[in-house]
Amino acid sequence: MVSTPTAPVVTICVCSCGPFAPAGSTFPFHKPSTHSLAAAYRDPADEYARSGGRTVGTVSYGTVVSRAQLQPGLLVHRFPAMGTTVLAALASPPLNGDEARRALSRVERLFREVEQVASRFRPDSELSQLNQMPDRWVIVSPLLFELIQEALAMAERTEGWFDPTILPALEAAGYRSSWKDGRFAGGNDEPAGSHRAGDYRRVRLDPLLQAVYVPPGVRLDLGGIGKGWTVDRAFERLARLGPCLVNAGGDLRGTGGDAIEGWPIQVENPWQPDSPACDAIWLREGAVCSSSTLGRRWLKDAKVQHHLIDPRRGQPSAGDVVAATVHAPTAAEAEVAAKVFIVGEPLAWERIAGRLHVSEARLFTNSGGSRGMITWPQTHA
C-alpha cells in the first residue's frame, strides 16, 4: 500500500547498518569529496531543530522494526521482501500523485521479480535451476544475466574478496535456508572449506546468446550483491521523479536533488544498543550499506558460525572487523565494500575501496574481547 502520512515525526529502525560519527565529533574525517558523507554531515542538534523535531530514519543493528509518521508531501511505500522490510519514499512528489504512486508500486514489483529470479532459497527460482545444470551453457533471462555479470565484475574489482561462488561454503557452515526459516545445519554433504578461491573465474558468460556456463562443482549465490543491486535499480526508477530514498533493511540509496537538502538519518552504536544516543548523518547523495557478523549467527559442531565467508579459507571470516558501514556512490558498491572490509585483508582495503569508490567507512572491531571502532580512511595529524 502506498500512503501519504500526515504527522510530523519519523522513526525507522532497520537492521544491519552501523554508525558514522557526526560533524564535530572526536572522529577525524578526511577531506570531503563529491560522494563523501563528511561533506553531507550536519550537527545532530542543529538538524533536529531545523527539521522541527523530525528525522527520517534510525538505523541500528538488531531486529527489524518499521514505524513512521511522516510529514505531508512525502509519499512512502513499505513492503516485505528479501527477508527484510523495504521502504521507498518520494519527497516533493510531482503534481501527478498517481504517477508517483505507480512508481512506488513498481519498486515493489521489481523487488519481487529479483527475489523470484535470483533467490537461492527458492527451488523454483531461475538461479536455483541454473545451479542444477552445471557443465553446460544455459540461456537465462536478461535480469539474471545482468545480475551475474555485475557479480562477476565485482569479484574482479575486489580481487576475489567478494566471490559469488561461495555457496558450497555457506551451506557447509549451515546456512542452507532463509534466516526466517530458522534452519541452518544438517542435510548437506559438502565438507567445510569445499569452496575453492577463484572459482568465479571459471564461470563464463556469452553476451550474444545471453547464456551462462557454470562449471562442475561451482554454484552461484547472489545474496551478497542482490539487495544492493536492486536498491540501485529501484533508485534509478524513482530519481527521475524527484528526491527519493530506497531503504532495504539498512542498505540505503537516496538523493535530495534540487528540492531538499537530503535525508537525515539517526544511527545507533551496535556496541551500545541500549543507549538512547544516536549519531546523525545527512545523506544528500549516494548509498550507505552495511554488513555484520553480529546478527546472523548460529552454532554448528559447538562453533559459532555466520554468513560472511572468507573466500580464501572457504569458512566464516575470523578477522577482527565484525561490522562495517560504508558510503559509496551506488548501493551495490557500498554493499560489496562493507563485506570486503570484514572478510578481506587490511592491506587490500586501500586499493579495493578505491576501485569501489568508497568515500568513507566505519569499522567495528572485536579483538580478544576488546571492542572498538576505526574509521577509513584513517587521518593523521
Protein backbone atom coordinates (compact mmCIF):
# COMPACT_ATOMS: atom_id res chain seq x y z
CA MET A 1 0.00 0.00 0.00
CA VAL A 2 1.25 3.48 -0.89
CA SER A 3 0.33 6.05 1.72
CA THR A 4 0.70 9.76 2.39
CA PRO A 5 1.25 10.05 6.15
CA THR A 6 0.46 13.36 7.81
CA ALA A 7 2.03 13.57 11.27
CA PRO A 8 5.45 15.30 11.60
CA VAL A 9 7.52 12.51 13.18
CA VAL A 10 9.63 9.74 11.69
CA THR A 11 11.41 6.83 13.32
CA ILE A 12 12.55 3.96 11.12
CA CYS A 13 14.61 1.19 12.72
CA VAL A 14 16.26 -1.28 10.38
CA CYS A 15 18.90 -3.96 10.84
CA SER A 16 22.44 -4.26 9.56
CA CYS A 17 23.69 -0.71 9.47
CA GLY A 18 26.43 0.73 11.62
CA PRO A 19 27.17 4.24 12.82
CA PHE A 20 29.03 7.15 11.37
CA ALA A 21 30.24 9.99 13.54
CA PRO A 22 28.60 13.40 13.14
CA ALA A 23 30.44 16.58 12.36
CA GLY A 24 32.12 17.98 15.43
CA SER A 25 32.73 14.53 16.93
CA THR A 26 36.09 13.25 18.08
CA PHE A 27 36.44 11.05 14.99
CA PRO A 28 38.52 12.66 12.24
CA PHE A 29 37.25 12.95 8.71
CA HIS A 30 39.23 13.09 5.52
CA LYS A 31 38.84 15.91 3.06
CA PRO A 32 35.24 15.86 1.74
CA SER A 33 34.67 14.69 -1.81
CA THR A 34 31.66 14.62 -4.11
CA HIS A 35 30.36 11.40 -2.56
CA SER A 36 31.63 11.93 0.98
CA LEU A 37 29.38 11.67 3.99
CA ALA A 38 31.77 14.06 5.68
CA ALA A 39 30.60 16.75 3.29
CA ALA A 40 27.00 15.81 4.00
CA TYR A 41 27.11 15.93 7.80
CA ARG A 42 25.29 18.43 9.95
CA ASP A 43 25.32 18.76 13.71
CA PRO A 44 22.55 16.45 15.01
CA ALA A 45 21.15 19.01 17.46
CA ASP A 46 21.11 21.68 14.77
CA GLU A 47 19.43 19.36 12.28
CA TYR A 48 16.85 18.28 14.84
CA ALA A 49 15.95 21.91 15.44
CA ARG A 50 15.95 22.75 11.75
CA SER A 51 13.61 19.86 10.99
CA GLY A 52 11.15 20.80 13.70
CA GLY A 53 11.92 17.62 15.62
CA ARG A 54 11.81 15.31 12.61
CA THR A 55 14.26 12.75 11.34
CA VAL A 56 13.74 10.33 8.50
CA GLY A 57 15.36 7.27 9.97
CA THR A 58 17.03 5.47 12.79
CA VAL A 59 19.46 2.76 11.69
CA SER A 60 20.62 0.08 14.10
CA TYR A 61 21.85 -3.48 14.33
CA GLY A 62 19.19 -5.86 15.57
CA THR A 63 15.56 -6.67 14.91
CA VAL A 64 13.76 -5.02 12.01
CA VAL A 65 11.12 -2.56 13.16
CA SER A 66 9.44 -0.04 10.91
CA ARG A 67 7.09 2.63 12.15
CA ALA A 68 6.67 6.04 10.61
CA GLN A 69 4.54 9.14 10.85
CA LEU A 70 5.85 11.39 8.13
CA GLN A 71 5.31 14.99 7.14
CA PRO A 72 2.83 15.90 4.37
CA GLY A 73 4.25 15.75 0.86
CA LEU A 74 6.29 12.62 1.48
CA LEU A 75 4.95 9.52 -0.23
CA VAL A 76 6.07 6.27 1.40
CA HIS A 77 5.65 2.65 0.37
CA ARG A 78 6.71 -0.20 2.71
CA PHE A 79 6.65 -3.90 1.96
CA PRO A 80 8.44 -7.14 2.96
CA ALA A 81 10.99 -8.54 0.52
CA MET A 82 14.35 -10.32 0.56
CA GLY A 83 13.94 -11.25 4.21
CA THR A 84 13.63 -7.66 5.40
CA THR A 85 11.41 -4.58 5.21
CA VAL A 86 11.85 -2.32 2.19
CA LEU A 87 10.93 1.35 2.29
CA ALA A 88 10.68 3.51 -0.82
CA ALA A 89 9.95 7.21 -0.43
CA LEU A 90 9.45 10.21 -2.69
CA ALA A 91 9.82 13.71 -1.25
CA SER A 92 8.10 16.60 -3.00
CA PRO A 93 6.44 14.22 -5.48
CA PRO A 94 5.22 15.56 -8.83
CA LEU A 95 1.81 17.17 -9.09
CA ASN A 96 0.56 13.96 -10.62
CA GLY A 97 0.29 11.91 -7.45
CA ASP A 98 -0.94 8.88 -9.34
CA GLU A 99 2.30 8.74 -11.29
CA ALA A 100 4.31 8.79 -8.06
CA ARG A 101 2.19 6.04 -6.52
CA ARG A 102 2.55 3.89 -9.60
CA ALA A 103 6.33 4.37 -9.49
CA LEU A 104 6.45 3.28 -5.84
CA SER A 105 4.33 0.23 -6.62
CA ARG A 106 6.70 -0.67 -9.46
CA VAL A 107 9.55 -0.68 -6.94
CA GLU A 108 7.80 -3.44 -5.04
CA ARG A 109 7.26 -5.41 -8.24
CA LEU A 110 10.96 -5.06 -9.03
CA PHE A 111 11.99 -6.48 -5.65
CA ARG A 112 9.53 -9.36 -6.07
CA GLU A 113 10.88 -10.11 -9.55
CA VAL A 114 14.53 -10.12 -8.45
CA GLU A 115 13.69 -12.34 -5.48
CA GLN A 116 11.82 -14.78 -7.70
CA VAL A 117 14.64 -14.91 -10.25
CA ALA A 118 17.74 -14.82 -8.05
CA SER A 119 16.90 -16.27 -4.63
CA ARG A 120 18.89 -19.39 -3.78
CA PHE A 121 16.26 -20.25 -1.17
CA ARG A 122 13.55 -20.81 -3.80
CA PRO A 123 13.90 -24.14 -5.57
CA ASP A 124 11.86 -22.79 -8.47
CA SER A 125 13.97 -19.65 -8.93
CA GLU A 126 15.93 -19.23 -12.13
CA LEU A 127 19.18 -19.14 -10.17
CA SER A 128 18.40 -22.43 -8.41
CA GLN A 129 17.65 -24.05 -11.74
CA LEU A 130 20.89 -22.72 -13.21
CA ASN A 131 22.84 -24.16 -10.27
CA GLN A 132 21.33 -27.55 -11.05
CA MET A 133 22.61 -27.50 -14.64
CA PRO A 134 26.42 -27.46 -14.44
CA ASP A 135 28.82 -28.04 -17.28
CA ARG A 136 26.52 -26.68 -19.98
CA TRP A 137 25.56 -23.35 -21.49
CA VAL A 138 22.20 -22.12 -20.20
CA ILE A 139 20.27 -19.23 -21.72
CA VAL A 140 18.94 -17.04 -18.89
CA SER A 141 16.68 -14.02 -18.53
CA PRO A 142 18.09 -10.51 -19.06
CA LEU A 143 17.66 -9.78 -15.35
CA LEU A 144 19.63 -12.80 -14.16
CA PHE A 145 22.32 -12.31 -16.81
CA GLU A 146 22.84 -8.68 -15.78
CA LEU A 147 22.97 -9.59 -12.09
CA ILE A 148 25.51 -12.40 -12.63
CA GLN A 149 27.55 -10.14 -14.89
CA GLU A 150 27.63 -7.47 -12.18
CA ALA A 151 28.56 -10.02 -9.50
CA LEU A 152 31.48 -11.39 -11.54
CA ALA A 153 32.66 -7.85 -12.29
CA MET A 154 32.61 -7.09 -8.56
CA ALA A 155 34.65 -10.22 -7.90
CA GLU A 156 37.32 -8.96 -10.29
CA ARG A 157 37.27 -5.45 -8.81
CA THR A 158 37.76 -6.88 -5.31
CA GLU A 159 40.46 -9.40 -6.28
CA GLY A 160 38.12 -12.20 -5.26
CA TRP A 161 37.40 -10.96 -1.72
CA PHE A 162 33.83 -10.77 -2.90
CA ASP A 163 33.02 -14.08 -4.55
CA PRO A 164 29.56 -15.12 -5.82
CA THR A 165 30.64 -18.79 -5.95
CA ILE A 166 30.84 -19.29 -2.16
CA LEU A 167 27.52 -21.16 -1.95
CA PRO A 168 29.10 -24.57 -1.09
CA ALA A 169 30.99 -22.94 1.79
CA LEU A 170 27.86 -21.16 3.02
CA GLU A 171 25.93 -24.40 3.08
CA ALA A 172 28.82 -26.23 4.73
CA ALA A 173 28.67 -23.63 7.51
CA GLY A 174 24.98 -24.45 7.95
CA TYR A 175 23.32 -21.61 6.03
CA ARG A 176 21.04 -23.69 3.84
CA SER A 177 17.70 -21.96 4.19
CA SER A 178 16.48 -18.42 4.60
CA TRP A 179 17.04 -16.87 8.01
CA LYS A 180 13.33 -16.59 8.75
CA ASP A 181 13.00 -20.36 8.36
CA GLY A 182 15.46 -20.84 11.21
CA ARG A 183 17.25 -23.87 9.75
CA PHE A 184 20.99 -23.79 9.26
CA ALA A 185 22.51 -27.22 9.95
CA GLY A 186 22.11 -30.70 8.51
CA GLY A 187 21.13 -32.09 5.16
CA ASN A 188 24.27 -31.27 3.23
CA ASP A 189 27.30 -33.45 2.47
CA GLU A 190 29.64 -30.65 1.39
CA PRO A 191 32.73 -30.61 3.66
CA ALA A 192 33.69 -27.30 5.25
CA GLY A 193 36.01 -25.32 3.04
CA SER A 194 34.92 -27.10 -0.16
CA HIS A 195 34.81 -23.75 -1.95
CA ARG A 196 37.97 -23.03 -3.91
CA ALA A 197 39.29 -19.49 -4.08
CA GLY A 198 38.93 -18.02 -7.56
CA ASP A 199 36.09 -20.30 -8.68
CA TYR A 200 34.30 -17.25 -10.03
CA ARG A 201 36.88 -17.05 -12.83
CA ARG A 202 35.63 -20.39 -14.15
CA VAL A 203 32.10 -19.05 -14.72
CA ARG A 204 31.69 -17.93 -18.32
CA LEU A 205 29.24 -15.57 -19.99
CA ASP A 206 28.08 -15.26 -23.58
CA PRO A 207 26.53 -11.78 -24.00
CA LEU A 208 25.38 -12.50 -27.54
CA LEU A 209 23.34 -15.55 -26.58
CA GLN A 210 22.75 -14.24 -23.05
CA ALA A 211 23.94 -17.57 -21.74
CA VAL A 212 25.85 -18.64 -18.62
CA TYR A 213 28.24 -21.57 -18.17
CA VAL A 214 28.68 -22.82 -14.58
CA PRO A 215 31.42 -25.47 -14.31
CA PRO A 216 31.02 -28.69 -12.32
CA GLY A 217 31.33 -28.22 -8.58
CA VAL A 218 30.53 -24.50 -8.74
CA ARG A 219 27.26 -22.90 -7.66
CA LEU A 220 26.30 -19.26 -7.52
CA ASP A 221 24.94 -17.22 -4.61
CA LEU A 222 23.94 -13.65 -5.44
CA GLY A 223 22.83 -12.72 -1.93
CA GLY A 224 25.97 -10.68 -1.34
CA ILE A 225 25.09 -8.17 -4.04
CA GLY A 226 21.47 -8.76 -4.98
CA LYS A 227 19.90 -6.42 -2.45
CA GLY A 228 22.22 -3.51 -3.24
CA TRP A 229 21.84 -4.06 -6.97
CA THR A 230 18.05 -4.00 -6.62
CA VAL A 231 18.17 -0.86 -4.49
CA ASP A 232 20.14 0.82 -7.30
CA ARG A 233 17.61 -0.22 -9.96
CA ALA A 234 14.72 0.98 -7.78
CA PHE A 235 16.50 4.25 -7.06
CA GLU A 236 17.01 4.88 -10.78
CA ARG A 237 13.29 4.47 -11.37
CA LEU A 238 12.34 6.90 -8.63
CA ALA A 239 15.07 9.53 -9.02
CA ARG A 240 13.62 10.84 -12.28
CA LEU A 241 10.55 11.94 -10.31
CA GLY A 242 12.45 13.90 -7.67
CA PRO A 243 14.20 13.44 -4.31
CA CYS A 244 13.89 9.83 -3.21
CA LEU A 245 15.16 7.20 -0.81
CA VAL A 246 15.19 3.42 -1.10
CA ASN A 247 15.97 1.52 2.12
CA ALA A 248 16.17 -2.28 2.05
CA GLY A 249 16.89 -3.40 5.58
CA GLY A 250 19.60 -0.82 6.14
CA ASP A 251 21.00 -0.74 2.61
CA LEU A 252 20.14 2.81 1.58
CA ARG A 253 20.44 4.95 -1.51
CA GLY A 254 18.99 8.41 -1.79
CA THR A 255 19.21 11.85 -3.30
CA GLY A 256 17.98 15.24 -2.26
CA GLY A 257 18.12 16.64 -5.78
CA ASP A 258 17.38 20.34 -6.08
CA ALA A 259 14.28 20.25 -3.90
CA ILE A 260 15.56 19.13 -0.48
CA GLU A 261 18.96 19.12 1.20
CA GLY A 262 18.96 15.41 1.85
CA TRP A 263 17.73 12.71 4.19
CA PRO A 264 18.51 12.99 7.93
CA ILE A 265 19.14 9.55 9.41
CA GLN A 266 19.88 8.68 13.03
CA VAL A 267 22.35 5.87 13.53
CA GLU A 268 22.77 3.79 16.70
CA ASN A 269 26.01 2.29 18.00
CA PRO A 270 25.92 -1.56 17.89
CA TRP A 271 28.29 -1.73 20.87
CA GLN A 272 25.80 0.35 22.87
CA PRO A 273 22.41 -0.98 21.70
CA ASP A 274 20.58 0.25 24.80
CA SER A 275 21.96 3.76 24.64
CA PRO A 276 19.39 6.44 23.74
CA ALA A 277 22.05 8.49 21.99
CA CYS A 278 22.30 8.27 18.22
CA ASP A 279 24.66 9.83 15.74
CA ALA A 280 23.01 11.62 12.87
CA ILE A 281 24.02 11.70 9.23
CA TRP A 282 22.62 13.85 6.49
CA LEU A 283 22.55 11.81 3.30
CA ARG A 284 22.47 14.14 0.32
CA GLU A 285 23.58 11.75 -2.38
CA GLY A 286 24.77 8.19 -2.73
CA ALA A 287 24.41 4.97 -0.79
CA VAL A 288 25.04 3.77 2.75
CA CYS A 289 25.21 -0.01 3.22
CA SER A 290 26.32 -2.29 5.99
CA SER A 291 27.39 -5.82 6.68
CA SER A 292 27.82 -7.55 10.00
CA THR A 293 28.61 -10.86 11.64
CA LEU A 294 26.69 -9.77 14.75
CA GLY A 295 23.20 -10.67 13.60
CA ARG A 296 23.01 -13.93 11.68
CA ARG A 297 24.92 -16.29 13.96
CA TRP A 298 24.32 -19.90 14.88
CA LEU A 299 26.09 -22.90 16.37
CA LYS A 300 27.38 -25.86 14.41
CA ASP A 301 29.63 -28.51 15.93
CA ALA A 302 29.82 -26.30 19.04
CA LYS A 303 31.33 -23.46 16.99
CA VAL A 304 29.76 -20.08 16.26
CA GLN A 305 29.08 -19.64 12.56
CA HIS A 306 27.95 -16.67 10.50
CA HIS A 307 27.13 -15.91 6.87
CA LEU A 308 30.20 -13.89 5.80
CA ILE A 309 32.61 -16.32 4.19
CA ASP A 310 36.33 -15.70 3.84
CA PRO A 311 36.73 -16.83 0.20
CA ARG A 312 40.41 -17.67 0.68
CA ARG A 313 39.64 -20.12 3.52
CA GLY A 314 36.15 -21.20 2.48
CA GLN A 315 34.91 -20.67 6.05
CA PRO A 316 33.22 -17.88 8.04
CA SER A 317 35.60 -14.98 8.48
CA ALA A 318 37.52 -14.83 11.75
CA GLY A 319 39.04 -11.35 11.50
CA ASP A 320 38.81 -8.50 13.99
CA VAL A 321 36.31 -6.47 11.93
CA VAL A 322 32.82 -7.74 12.74
CA ALA A 323 30.70 -4.94 11.27
CA ALA A 324 31.18 -2.27 8.61
CA THR A 325 29.11 0.61 7.32
CA VAL A 326 30.20 2.18 4.04
CA HIS A 327 29.31 5.20 1.92
CA ALA A 328 29.78 4.92 -1.84
CA PRO A 329 28.05 6.21 -4.98
CA THR A 330 25.93 3.08 -5.51
CA ALA A 331 24.35 0.56 -3.17
CA ALA A 332 26.00 -2.36 -4.99
CA GLU A 333 29.44 -0.84 -4.45
CA ALA A 334 28.72 0.02 -0.82
CA GLU A 335 27.24 -3.42 -0.08
CA VAL A 336 30.20 -5.27 -1.57
CA ALA A 337 32.73 -2.95 0.07
CA ALA A 338 31.17 -3.49 3.50
CA LYS A 339 31.71 -7.23 3.12
CA VAL A 340 35.29 -6.78 1.90
CA PHE A 341 36.16 -4.69 4.97
CA ILE A 342 35.07 -7.66 7.11
CA VAL A 343 36.48 -10.65 5.21
CA GLY A 344 39.39 -9.01 3.40
CA GLU A 345 42.95 -8.39 4.49
CA PRO A 346 43.59 -4.83 5.75
CA LEU A 347 46.44 -4.47 3.27
CA ALA A 348 43.87 -4.83 0.46
CA TRP A 349 41.42 -2.24 1.78
CA GLU A 350 43.07 0.78 0.21
CA ARG A 351 43.17 -0.40 -3.39
CA ILE A 352 39.82 -2.24 -3.32
CA ALA A 353 37.96 0.63 -1.66
CA GLY A 354 39.38 2.91 -4.33
CA ARG A 355 38.04 0.69 -7.10
CA LEU A 356 34.62 0.69 -5.42
CA HIS A 357 34.72 4.47 -4.97
CA VAL A 358 34.31 4.25 -1.20
CA SER A 359 34.48 7.68 0.36
CA GLU A 360 34.16 6.67 3.99
CA ALA A 361 33.61 3.70 6.28
CA ARG A 362 33.10 2.91 9.95
CA LEU A 363 34.53 -0.44 11.03
CA PHE A 364 33.60 -2.09 14.32
CA THR A 365 36.17 -4.44 15.77
CA ASN A 366 36.31 -7.14 18.41
CA SER A 367 39.84 -8.24 19.14
CA GLY A 368 40.23 -10.64 22.03
CA GLY A 369 37.11 -9.23 23.67
CA SER A 370 38.26 -5.63 23.26
CA ARG A 371 35.65 -3.72 21.27
CA GLY A 372 36.39 -0.63 19.25
CA MET A 373 35.70 1.39 16.14
CA ILE A 374 38.01 2.69 13.45
CA THR A 375 37.38 4.97 10.54
CA TRP A 376 38.52 4.52 6.98
CA PRO A 377 40.41 6.24 5.51
CA GLN A 378 42.40 6.95 8.63
CA THR A 379 43.66 10.51 9.01
CA HIS A 380 46.89 11.56 10.58
CA ALA A 381 47.82 14.81 12.22
